[in-house]
Amino acid sequence: MISLTTSRLTMQPVQTDDWAFFLRLYQTPEVMRFIGDIETPAQIHSRFEQRLGNWDRYCDFWLCLLIREKESGAAVGLTGFFPDWRPYQQGEVGFILAPEHQRKGYAVESLREVLNFAFDQCGFHRLQANVLEGNEASRRVLEKCGFQYEGRLRDSYRIGDEWKNDWLLGLLASDTRP
């Protein structure tokens, strides 16, 4: 099983026991405002089920890691990436933190370890992130981890009845990671 560790956090693939936390995250308006519409519990459960299973870089589903505080064992959020391994050795990273755990540096700390795993152990060439335009906090997290702004994707995402722009950020394995 994949297990990533930092000085304050542990990250392991989501398990069936993590359903209640997953559901809470995806039903919290403050969390979802830059991610998407709040779906029904059945829709969220389908998303959750898609993230269970034995992951490897050739999978066609997200590596979804539950972030926990080492000291307390409290669930903090989720992080991981979706691989597009064949033939491109690329992926898309993502992270989502519970409101009470935001602004503590956990997103940067966990993402740096995910990047180390993706580049150093899995052999990815490039990772990217799409961030809803206006989500300054997530953009700062990515830039602190070495991602570079690559462009603006017009009307690339829809929340409710409104089309939104995305910022595209990218990081190559050869780029400097702070």
N, C-alpha and C. Protein backbone atom coordinates (compact mmCIF):
# COMPACT_ATOMS: atom_id res chain seq x y z
N MET A 1 0.83 -1.18 0.00
CA MET A 1 0.00 0.00 0.00
C MET A 1 0.88 1.25 0.00
N ILE A 2 0.47 2.23 -0.74
CA ILE A 2 1.18 3.50 -0.80
C ILE A 2 1.01 4.21 0.54
N SER A 3 2.11 4.71 1.07
CA SER A 3 2.06 5.48 2.31
C SER A 3 3.11 6.57 2.22
N LEU A 4 2.65 7.82 2.25
CA LEU A 4 3.55 8.96 2.19
C LEU A 4 3.53 9.66 3.54
N THR A 5 4.69 10.18 3.93
CA THR A 5 4.80 10.79 5.25
C THR A 5 5.61 12.08 5.16
N THR A 6 5.17 13.08 5.92
CA THR A 6 5.92 14.32 6.10
C THR A 6 6.15 14.49 7.60
N SER A 7 6.69 15.62 7.98
CA SER A 7 6.94 15.82 9.42
C SER A 7 5.65 15.87 10.23
N ARG A 8 4.54 16.36 9.63
CA ARG A 8 3.29 16.49 10.38
C ARG A 8 2.15 15.63 9.87
N LEU A 9 2.32 15.00 8.69
CA LEU A 9 1.20 14.35 8.03
C LEU A 9 1.52 12.95 7.56
N THR A 10 0.47 12.13 7.43
CA THR A 10 0.56 10.86 6.73
C THR A 10 -0.51 10.86 5.63
N MET A 11 -0.23 10.18 4.54
CA MET A 11 -1.16 10.09 3.42
C MET A 11 -1.21 8.65 2.94
N GLN A 12 -2.43 8.10 2.92
CA GLN A 12 -2.63 6.75 2.43
C GLN A 12 -3.89 6.71 1.58
N PRO A 13 -3.99 5.75 0.68
CA PRO A 13 -5.19 5.66 -0.17
C PRO A 13 -6.46 5.59 0.66
N VAL A 14 -7.52 6.23 0.15
CA VAL A 14 -8.81 6.19 0.85
C VAL A 14 -9.28 4.74 0.95
N GLN A 15 -9.94 4.47 2.06
CA GLN A 15 -10.51 3.15 2.34
C GLN A 15 -12.00 3.33 2.56
N THR A 16 -12.74 2.23 2.55
CA THR A 16 -14.19 2.31 2.72
C THR A 16 -14.57 3.03 4.02
N ASP A 17 -13.75 2.92 5.05
CA ASP A 17 -14.03 3.59 6.33
C ASP A 17 -13.94 5.12 6.24
N ASP A 18 -13.39 5.64 5.17
CA ASP A 18 -13.22 7.09 5.00
C ASP A 18 -14.42 7.75 4.34
N TRP A 19 -15.46 6.99 4.06
CA TRP A 19 -16.63 7.51 3.36
C TRP A 19 -17.26 8.73 4.04
N ALA A 20 -17.45 8.70 5.34
CA ALA A 20 -18.12 9.81 6.03
C ALA A 20 -17.34 11.11 5.87
N PHE A 21 -16.02 11.04 5.97
CA PHE A 21 -15.20 12.24 5.79
C PHE A 21 -15.28 12.73 4.34
N PHE A 22 -15.18 11.82 3.40
CA PHE A 22 -15.27 12.15 1.97
C PHE A 22 -16.60 12.86 1.68
N LEU A 23 -17.69 12.29 2.18
CA LEU A 23 -19.01 12.88 1.99
C LEU A 23 -19.08 14.28 2.59
N ARG A 24 -18.56 14.44 3.79
CA ARG A 24 -18.59 15.76 4.44
C ARG A 24 -17.85 16.80 3.59
N LEU A 25 -16.67 16.44 3.09
CA LEU A 25 -15.92 17.38 2.25
C LEU A 25 -16.74 17.80 1.03
N TYR A 26 -17.31 16.84 0.34
CA TYR A 26 -18.01 17.12 -0.92
C TYR A 26 -19.41 17.71 -0.72
N GLN A 27 -19.83 17.85 0.54
CA GLN A 27 -21.10 18.52 0.82
C GLN A 27 -20.91 19.85 1.55
N THR A 28 -19.68 20.30 1.69
CA THR A 28 -19.39 21.56 2.38
C THR A 28 -19.29 22.69 1.35
N PRO A 29 -20.26 23.62 1.36
CA PRO A 29 -20.25 24.70 0.37
C PRO A 29 -18.95 25.49 0.33
N GLU A 30 -18.35 25.76 1.48
CA GLU A 30 -17.09 26.51 1.53
C GLU A 30 -15.98 25.77 0.78
N VAL A 31 -15.99 24.46 0.83
CA VAL A 31 -14.99 23.64 0.14
C VAL A 31 -15.31 23.56 -1.35
N MET A 32 -16.58 23.41 -1.68
CA MET A 32 -16.98 23.15 -3.06
C MET A 32 -17.08 24.39 -3.95
N ARG A 33 -17.02 25.57 -3.38
CA ARG A 33 -17.25 26.77 -4.19
C ARG A 33 -16.29 26.92 -5.36
N PHE A 34 -15.07 26.36 -5.27
CA PHE A 34 -14.12 26.41 -6.37
C PHE A 34 -13.95 25.06 -7.06
N ILE A 35 -14.76 24.07 -6.65
CA ILE A 35 -14.59 22.72 -7.18
C ILE A 35 -15.74 22.30 -8.08
N GLY A 36 -16.96 22.54 -7.62
CA GLY A 36 -18.10 22.13 -8.44
C GLY A 36 -19.38 22.16 -7.65
N ASP A 37 -20.44 21.73 -8.30
CA ASP A 37 -21.75 21.68 -7.68
C ASP A 37 -21.77 20.62 -6.58
N ILE A 38 -22.57 20.86 -5.57
CA ILE A 38 -22.75 19.84 -4.54
C ILE A 38 -23.73 18.82 -5.10
N GLU A 39 -23.27 17.57 -5.15
CA GLU A 39 -24.06 16.49 -5.72
C GLU A 39 -24.85 15.77 -4.63
N THR A 40 -25.68 14.86 -5.06
CA THR A 40 -26.43 14.03 -4.11
C THR A 40 -25.46 13.06 -3.43
N PRO A 41 -25.82 12.54 -2.25
CA PRO A 41 -24.98 11.53 -1.61
C PRO A 41 -24.69 10.33 -2.52
N ALA A 42 -25.66 9.93 -3.33
CA ALA A 42 -25.44 8.79 -4.24
C ALA A 42 -24.38 9.14 -5.29
N GLN A 43 -24.42 10.35 -5.82
CA GLN A 43 -23.42 10.77 -6.81
C GLN A 43 -22.03 10.85 -6.17
N ILE A 44 -21.98 11.38 -4.96
CA ILE A 44 -20.70 11.49 -4.26
C ILE A 44 -20.17 10.09 -3.93
N HIS A 45 -21.06 9.18 -3.58
CA HIS A 45 -20.63 7.81 -3.27
C HIS A 45 -20.05 7.14 -4.52
N SER A 46 -20.63 7.40 -5.67
CA SER A 46 -20.09 6.86 -6.92
C SER A 46 -18.66 7.39 -7.16
N ARG A 47 -18.45 8.68 -6.92
CA ARG A 47 -17.12 9.29 -7.05
C ARG A 47 -16.15 8.62 -6.07
N PHE A 48 -16.62 8.39 -4.84
CA PHE A 48 -15.81 7.74 -3.82
C PHE A 48 -15.41 6.33 -4.25
N GLU A 49 -16.39 5.57 -4.72
CA GLU A 49 -16.14 4.18 -5.16
C GLU A 49 -15.09 4.14 -6.29
N GLN A 50 -15.09 5.14 -7.15
CA GLN A 50 -14.13 5.19 -8.25
C GLN A 50 -12.69 5.36 -7.77
N ARG A 51 -12.53 5.82 -6.55
CA ARG A 51 -11.20 6.09 -6.02
C ARG A 51 -10.67 4.96 -5.11
N LEU A 52 -11.47 3.94 -4.93
CA LEU A 52 -11.03 2.78 -4.15
C LEU A 52 -10.34 1.79 -5.07
N GLY A 53 -9.50 0.99 -4.51
CA GLY A 53 -8.85 -0.05 -5.31
C GLY A 53 -7.34 0.09 -5.28
N ASN A 54 -6.69 -0.90 -5.81
CA ASN A 54 -5.24 -0.90 -5.86
C ASN A 54 -4.78 -0.03 -7.02
N TRP A 55 -4.13 1.05 -6.68
CA TRP A 55 -3.71 2.04 -7.68
C TRP A 55 -2.29 1.75 -8.14
N ASP A 56 -2.05 1.95 -9.43
CA ASP A 56 -0.69 2.06 -9.96
C ASP A 56 -0.73 3.11 -11.06
N ARG A 57 0.43 3.49 -11.55
CA ARG A 57 0.50 4.62 -12.49
C ARG A 57 -0.22 4.36 -13.82
N TYR A 58 -0.58 3.13 -14.08
CA TYR A 58 -1.29 2.80 -15.33
C TYR A 58 -2.81 2.81 -15.16
N CYS A 59 -3.28 3.03 -13.93
CA CYS A 59 -4.73 3.02 -13.65
C CYS A 59 -5.43 4.16 -14.37
N ASP A 60 -6.72 3.98 -14.52
CA ASP A 60 -7.55 5.01 -15.12
C ASP A 60 -8.46 5.62 -14.05
N PHE A 61 -7.87 5.86 -12.86
CA PHE A 61 -8.61 6.52 -11.81
C PHE A 61 -7.64 7.27 -10.90
N TRP A 62 -8.18 8.21 -10.15
CA TRP A 62 -7.39 9.05 -9.27
C TRP A 62 -6.69 8.24 -8.19
N LEU A 63 -5.42 8.57 -7.94
CA LEU A 63 -4.77 8.16 -6.70
C LEU A 63 -5.30 9.16 -5.67
N CYS A 64 -6.16 8.71 -4.80
CA CYS A 64 -6.83 9.57 -3.82
C CYS A 64 -6.30 9.22 -2.44
N LEU A 65 -5.48 10.10 -1.90
CA LEU A 65 -4.85 9.86 -0.61
C LEU A 65 -5.54 10.68 0.48
N LEU A 66 -5.89 10.02 1.57
CA LEU A 66 -6.44 10.71 2.72
C LEU A 66 -5.28 11.28 3.52
N ILE A 67 -5.34 12.57 3.79
CA ILE A 67 -4.30 13.26 4.57
C ILE A 67 -4.74 13.24 6.03
N ARG A 68 -3.84 12.81 6.91
CA ARG A 68 -4.11 12.80 8.35
C ARG A 68 -2.97 13.52 9.09
N GLU A 69 -3.34 14.19 10.18
CA GLU A 69 -2.33 14.72 11.08
C GLU A 69 -1.67 13.54 11.79
N LYS A 70 -0.37 13.54 11.84
CA LYS A 70 0.35 12.47 12.55
C LYS A 70 0.00 12.45 14.02
N GLU A 71 0.04 13.63 14.64
CA GLU A 71 -0.12 13.72 16.09
C GLU A 71 -1.51 13.30 16.56
N SER A 72 -2.54 13.84 15.93
CA SER A 72 -3.91 13.59 16.39
C SER A 72 -4.61 12.46 15.64
N GLY A 73 -4.14 12.16 14.44
CA GLY A 73 -4.82 11.17 13.60
C GLY A 73 -6.03 11.73 12.88
N ALA A 74 -6.30 13.03 13.05
CA ALA A 74 -7.48 13.66 12.44
C ALA A 74 -7.34 13.71 10.92
N ALA A 75 -8.44 13.43 10.24
CA ALA A 75 -8.49 13.56 8.78
C ALA A 75 -8.47 15.04 8.43
N VAL A 76 -7.59 15.41 7.52
CA VAL A 76 -7.36 16.80 7.13
C VAL A 76 -7.97 17.10 5.77
N GLY A 77 -7.79 16.18 4.83
CA GLY A 77 -8.26 16.40 3.47
C GLY A 77 -7.84 15.26 2.56
N LEU A 78 -7.89 15.56 1.28
CA LEU A 78 -7.53 14.59 0.24
C LEU A 78 -6.51 15.22 -0.70
N THR A 79 -5.66 14.41 -1.26
CA THR A 79 -4.70 14.86 -2.27
C THR A 79 -4.42 13.69 -3.20
N GLY A 80 -3.80 13.96 -4.32
CA GLY A 80 -3.44 12.90 -5.24
C GLY A 80 -3.37 13.39 -6.67
N PHE A 81 -3.42 12.43 -7.59
CA PHE A 81 -3.35 12.79 -9.00
C PHE A 81 -4.01 11.73 -9.87
N PHE A 82 -4.38 12.19 -11.05
CA PHE A 82 -4.97 11.31 -12.07
C PHE A 82 -3.92 11.10 -13.15
N PRO A 83 -3.53 9.86 -13.39
CA PRO A 83 -2.46 9.60 -14.37
C PRO A 83 -2.97 9.53 -15.80
N ASP A 84 -2.17 10.05 -16.69
CA ASP A 84 -2.33 9.84 -18.13
C ASP A 84 -0.98 9.30 -18.59
N TRP A 85 -0.70 8.08 -18.14
CA TRP A 85 0.65 7.53 -18.28
C TRP A 85 1.00 7.18 -19.72
N ARG A 86 0.12 6.47 -20.38
CA ARG A 86 0.43 6.00 -21.74
C ARG A 86 -0.10 6.97 -22.76
N PRO A 87 0.64 7.48 -23.65
CA PRO A 87 2.10 7.40 -23.76
C PRO A 87 2.79 8.63 -23.18
N TYR A 88 2.07 9.44 -22.43
CA TYR A 88 2.58 10.78 -22.14
C TYR A 88 3.30 10.95 -20.81
N GLN A 89 3.19 10.03 -19.88
CA GLN A 89 3.82 10.14 -18.56
C GLN A 89 3.45 11.46 -17.88
N GLN A 90 2.14 11.78 -17.94
CA GLN A 90 1.64 13.02 -17.37
C GLN A 90 0.49 12.73 -16.42
N GLY A 91 0.12 13.73 -15.65
CA GLY A 91 -1.00 13.58 -14.75
C GLY A 91 -1.52 14.93 -14.30
N GLU A 92 -2.67 14.88 -13.65
CA GLU A 92 -3.29 16.09 -13.09
C GLU A 92 -3.37 15.94 -11.59
N VAL A 93 -2.85 16.92 -10.85
CA VAL A 93 -2.88 16.87 -9.39
C VAL A 93 -4.11 17.60 -8.87
N GLY A 94 -4.49 17.23 -7.65
CA GLY A 94 -5.59 17.90 -6.98
C GLY A 94 -5.47 17.75 -5.48
N PHE A 95 -6.14 18.64 -4.77
CA PHE A 95 -6.15 18.57 -3.31
C PHE A 95 -7.40 19.29 -2.82
N ILE A 96 -7.87 18.85 -1.67
CA ILE A 96 -9.07 19.41 -1.06
C ILE A 96 -8.91 19.25 0.45
N LEU A 97 -9.05 20.35 1.18
CA LEU A 97 -8.88 20.32 2.64
C LEU A 97 -10.14 20.78 3.34
N ALA A 98 -10.42 20.17 4.48
CA ALA A 98 -11.54 20.59 5.32
C ALA A 98 -11.27 22.01 5.80
N PRO A 99 -12.31 22.83 5.91
CA PRO A 99 -12.12 24.23 6.29
C PRO A 99 -11.31 24.43 7.58
N GLU A 100 -11.50 23.59 8.57
CA GLU A 100 -10.80 23.75 9.84
C GLU A 100 -9.30 23.43 9.74
N HIS A 101 -8.88 22.85 8.61
CA HIS A 101 -7.46 22.52 8.42
C HIS A 101 -6.79 23.37 7.36
N GLN A 102 -7.51 24.33 6.81
CA GLN A 102 -6.91 25.23 5.83
C GLN A 102 -6.07 26.29 6.53
N ARG A 103 -5.15 26.87 5.78
CA ARG A 103 -4.27 27.94 6.26
C ARG A 103 -3.32 27.46 7.38
N LYS A 104 -2.94 26.20 7.33
CA LYS A 104 -1.97 25.66 8.28
C LYS A 104 -0.71 25.15 7.57
N GLY A 105 -0.68 25.29 6.24
CA GLY A 105 0.46 24.80 5.47
C GLY A 105 0.34 23.33 5.07
N TYR A 106 -0.79 22.70 5.40
CA TYR A 106 -0.94 21.28 5.10
C TYR A 106 -1.02 21.00 3.59
N ALA A 107 -1.65 21.89 2.85
CA ALA A 107 -1.78 21.66 1.40
C ALA A 107 -0.41 21.64 0.74
N VAL A 108 0.44 22.61 1.06
CA VAL A 108 1.79 22.66 0.48
C VAL A 108 2.60 21.44 0.94
N GLU A 109 2.55 21.16 2.21
CA GLU A 109 3.33 20.04 2.77
C GLU A 109 2.94 18.71 2.12
N SER A 110 1.65 18.47 2.01
CA SER A 110 1.20 17.20 1.43
C SER A 110 1.46 17.15 -0.07
N LEU A 111 1.24 18.26 -0.77
CA LEU A 111 1.45 18.27 -2.22
C LEU A 111 2.92 18.06 -2.57
N ARG A 112 3.82 18.63 -1.81
CA ARG A 112 5.25 18.41 -2.08
C ARG A 112 5.60 16.93 -2.01
N GLU A 113 5.03 16.23 -1.05
CA GLU A 113 5.32 14.80 -0.93
C GLU A 113 4.67 14.01 -2.06
N VAL A 114 3.48 14.41 -2.48
CA VAL A 114 2.82 13.78 -3.64
C VAL A 114 3.67 13.99 -4.89
N LEU A 115 4.21 15.18 -5.07
CA LEU A 115 5.06 15.46 -6.24
C LEU A 115 6.32 14.60 -6.20
N ASN A 116 6.94 14.48 -5.03
CA ASN A 116 8.12 13.61 -4.91
C ASN A 116 7.77 12.19 -5.33
N PHE A 117 6.64 11.69 -4.87
CA PHE A 117 6.20 10.34 -5.22
C PHE A 117 5.96 10.22 -6.73
N ALA A 118 5.23 11.17 -7.30
CA ALA A 118 4.88 11.11 -8.73
C ALA A 118 6.11 11.18 -9.62
N PHE A 119 7.01 12.08 -9.32
CA PHE A 119 8.20 12.26 -10.17
C PHE A 119 9.29 11.23 -9.85
N ASP A 120 9.61 11.07 -8.58
CA ASP A 120 10.78 10.27 -8.21
C ASP A 120 10.50 8.76 -8.16
N GLN A 121 9.28 8.37 -7.79
CA GLN A 121 8.99 6.94 -7.69
C GLN A 121 8.17 6.41 -8.87
N CYS A 122 7.28 7.24 -9.40
CA CYS A 122 6.43 6.79 -10.51
C CYS A 122 6.99 7.16 -11.88
N GLY A 123 7.92 8.09 -11.94
CA GLY A 123 8.55 8.44 -13.20
C GLY A 123 7.74 9.35 -14.11
N PHE A 124 6.86 10.17 -13.54
CA PHE A 124 6.10 11.10 -14.37
C PHE A 124 7.02 12.16 -14.96
N HIS A 125 6.65 12.64 -16.13
CA HIS A 125 7.40 13.69 -16.81
C HIS A 125 6.80 15.07 -16.51
N ARG A 126 5.47 15.14 -16.43
CA ARG A 126 4.79 16.42 -16.26
C ARG A 126 3.52 16.23 -15.44
N LEU A 127 3.27 17.19 -14.56
CA LEU A 127 2.01 17.24 -13.83
C LEU A 127 1.40 18.62 -14.04
N GLN A 128 0.09 18.65 -14.08
CA GLN A 128 -0.59 19.92 -14.24
C GLN A 128 -1.73 20.02 -13.24
N ALA A 129 -2.23 21.25 -13.08
CA ALA A 129 -3.38 21.51 -12.23
C ALA A 129 -4.26 22.54 -12.93
N ASN A 130 -5.54 22.29 -12.92
CA ASN A 130 -6.52 23.26 -13.38
C ASN A 130 -7.15 23.85 -12.13
N VAL A 131 -7.10 25.18 -12.02
CA VAL A 131 -7.61 25.88 -10.85
C VAL A 131 -8.64 26.88 -11.32
N LEU A 132 -9.80 26.86 -10.71
CA LEU A 132 -10.84 27.81 -11.07
C LEU A 132 -10.32 29.23 -10.88
N GLU A 133 -10.46 30.04 -11.91
CA GLU A 133 -9.99 31.41 -11.85
C GLU A 133 -10.60 32.11 -10.62
N GLY A 134 -9.75 32.74 -9.84
CA GLY A 134 -10.19 33.38 -8.61
C GLY A 134 -9.82 32.60 -7.36
N ASN A 135 -9.45 31.35 -7.51
CA ASN A 135 -9.05 30.52 -6.36
C ASN A 135 -7.56 30.80 -6.07
N GLU A 136 -7.34 31.98 -5.51
CA GLU A 136 -5.97 32.43 -5.24
C GLU A 136 -5.23 31.52 -4.27
N ALA A 137 -5.93 30.99 -3.27
CA ALA A 137 -5.27 30.13 -2.27
C ALA A 137 -4.68 28.88 -2.92
N SER A 138 -5.44 28.22 -3.78
CA SER A 138 -4.93 27.00 -4.44
C SER A 138 -3.80 27.34 -5.41
N ARG A 139 -3.93 28.46 -6.10
CA ARG A 139 -2.85 28.86 -7.01
C ARG A 139 -1.56 29.11 -6.23
N ARG A 140 -1.65 29.76 -5.07
CA ARG A 140 -0.46 30.00 -4.23
C ARG A 140 0.16 28.68 -3.77
N VAL A 141 -0.67 27.72 -3.38
CA VAL A 141 -0.16 26.41 -2.98
C VAL A 141 0.66 25.80 -4.10
N LEU A 142 0.09 25.81 -5.29
CA LEU A 142 0.78 25.20 -6.44
C LEU A 142 2.08 25.94 -6.76
N GLU A 143 2.05 27.26 -6.74
CA GLU A 143 3.25 28.02 -7.05
C GLU A 143 4.33 27.82 -5.99
N LYS A 144 3.94 27.66 -4.73
CA LYS A 144 4.92 27.37 -3.67
C LYS A 144 5.58 26.01 -3.89
N CYS A 145 4.90 25.13 -4.61
CA CYS A 145 5.43 23.80 -4.90
C CYS A 145 6.18 23.76 -6.23
N GLY A 146 6.31 24.91 -6.90
CA GLY A 146 7.09 24.98 -8.13
C GLY A 146 6.30 25.05 -9.42
N PHE A 147 4.97 24.94 -9.36
CA PHE A 147 4.16 25.02 -10.58
C PHE A 147 4.26 26.41 -11.19
N GLN A 148 4.19 26.43 -12.51
CA GLN A 148 4.23 27.69 -13.25
C GLN A 148 2.90 27.91 -13.95
N TYR A 149 2.48 29.16 -13.94
CA TYR A 149 1.25 29.53 -14.66
C TYR A 149 1.50 29.37 -16.15
N GLU A 150 0.62 28.64 -16.83
CA GLU A 150 0.80 28.38 -18.26
C GLU A 150 -0.30 29.01 -19.11
N GLY A 151 -1.39 29.41 -18.50
CA GLY A 151 -2.42 30.05 -19.30
C GLY A 151 -3.79 30.02 -18.65
N ARG A 152 -4.70 30.65 -19.35
CA ARG A 152 -6.08 30.77 -18.90
C ARG A 152 -6.96 30.02 -19.89
N LEU A 153 -7.76 29.10 -19.39
CA LEU A 153 -8.66 28.33 -20.22
C LEU A 153 -10.05 28.94 -20.10
N ARG A 154 -10.50 29.56 -21.16
CA ARG A 154 -11.78 30.27 -21.13
C ARG A 154 -12.95 29.30 -21.13
N ASP A 155 -13.94 29.60 -20.29
CA ASP A 155 -15.17 28.80 -20.21
C ASP A 155 -14.89 27.30 -20.22
N SER A 156 -13.95 26.88 -19.41
CA SER A 156 -13.57 25.46 -19.45
C SER A 156 -14.26 24.63 -18.37
N TYR A 157 -15.01 25.27 -17.49
CA TYR A 157 -15.62 24.54 -16.38
C TYR A 157 -16.96 25.17 -16.07
N ARG A 158 -17.89 24.36 -15.67
CA ARG A 158 -19.22 24.87 -15.37
C ARG A 158 -19.62 24.53 -13.95
N ILE A 159 -20.04 25.54 -13.20
CA ILE A 159 -20.59 25.35 -11.87
C ILE A 159 -21.98 25.97 -11.90
N GLY A 160 -22.97 25.16 -11.58
CA GLY A 160 -24.35 25.61 -11.70
C GLY A 160 -24.65 25.94 -13.15
N ASP A 161 -25.19 27.10 -13.37
CA ASP A 161 -25.53 27.53 -14.73
C ASP A 161 -24.49 28.46 -15.32
N GLU A 162 -23.35 28.59 -14.66
CA GLU A 162 -22.36 29.58 -15.08
C GLU A 162 -21.06 28.94 -15.53
N TRP A 163 -20.58 29.34 -16.70
CA TRP A 163 -19.28 28.89 -17.20
C TRP A 163 -18.18 29.68 -16.50
N LYS A 164 -17.11 29.00 -16.17
CA LYS A 164 -15.99 29.60 -15.45
C LYS A 164 -14.70 29.36 -16.23
N ASN A 165 -13.75 30.25 -16.02
CA ASN A 165 -12.42 30.08 -16.58
C ASN A 165 -11.55 29.31 -15.60
N ASP A 166 -10.58 28.59 -16.14
CA ASP A 166 -9.58 27.90 -15.33
C ASP A 166 -8.22 28.51 -15.58
N TRP A 167 -7.39 28.48 -14.55
CA TRP A 167 -5.97 28.74 -14.72
C TRP A 167 -5.30 27.38 -14.90
N LEU A 168 -4.39 27.29 -15.83
CA LEU A 168 -3.62 26.07 -16.05
C LEU A 168 -2.22 26.30 -15.51
N LEU A 169 -1.79 25.43 -14.62
CA LEU A 169 -0.44 25.48 -14.07
C LEU A 169 0.24 24.15 -14.33
N GLY A 170 1.53 24.18 -14.59
CA GLY A 170 2.24 22.95 -14.89
C GLY A 170 3.59 22.87 -14.21
N LEU A 171 4.07 21.65 -14.05
CA LEU A 171 5.37 21.38 -13.44
C LEU A 171 5.99 20.19 -14.15
N LEU A 172 7.23 20.36 -14.58
CA LEU A 172 7.98 19.27 -15.21
C LEU A 172 8.88 18.60 -14.18
N ALA A 173 9.19 17.36 -14.41
CA ALA A 173 10.10 16.64 -13.52
C ALA A 173 11.45 17.36 -13.43
N SER A 174 11.86 18.02 -14.52
CA SER A 174 13.14 18.72 -14.56
C SER A 174 13.11 20.11 -13.93
N ASP A 175 11.91 20.62 -13.61
CA ASP A 175 11.81 21.93 -12.97
C ASP A 175 12.31 21.87 -11.53
N THR A 176 12.75 23.01 -11.05
CA THR A 176 13.15 23.11 -9.65
C THR A 176 11.93 23.06 -8.76
N ARG A 177 11.99 22.18 -7.77
CA ARG A 177 10.91 22.09 -6.77
C ARG A 177 11.44 22.63 -5.45
N PRO A 178 10.85 23.72 -4.97
CA PRO A 178 11.32 24.32 -3.71
C PRO A 178 11.18 23.38 -2.52
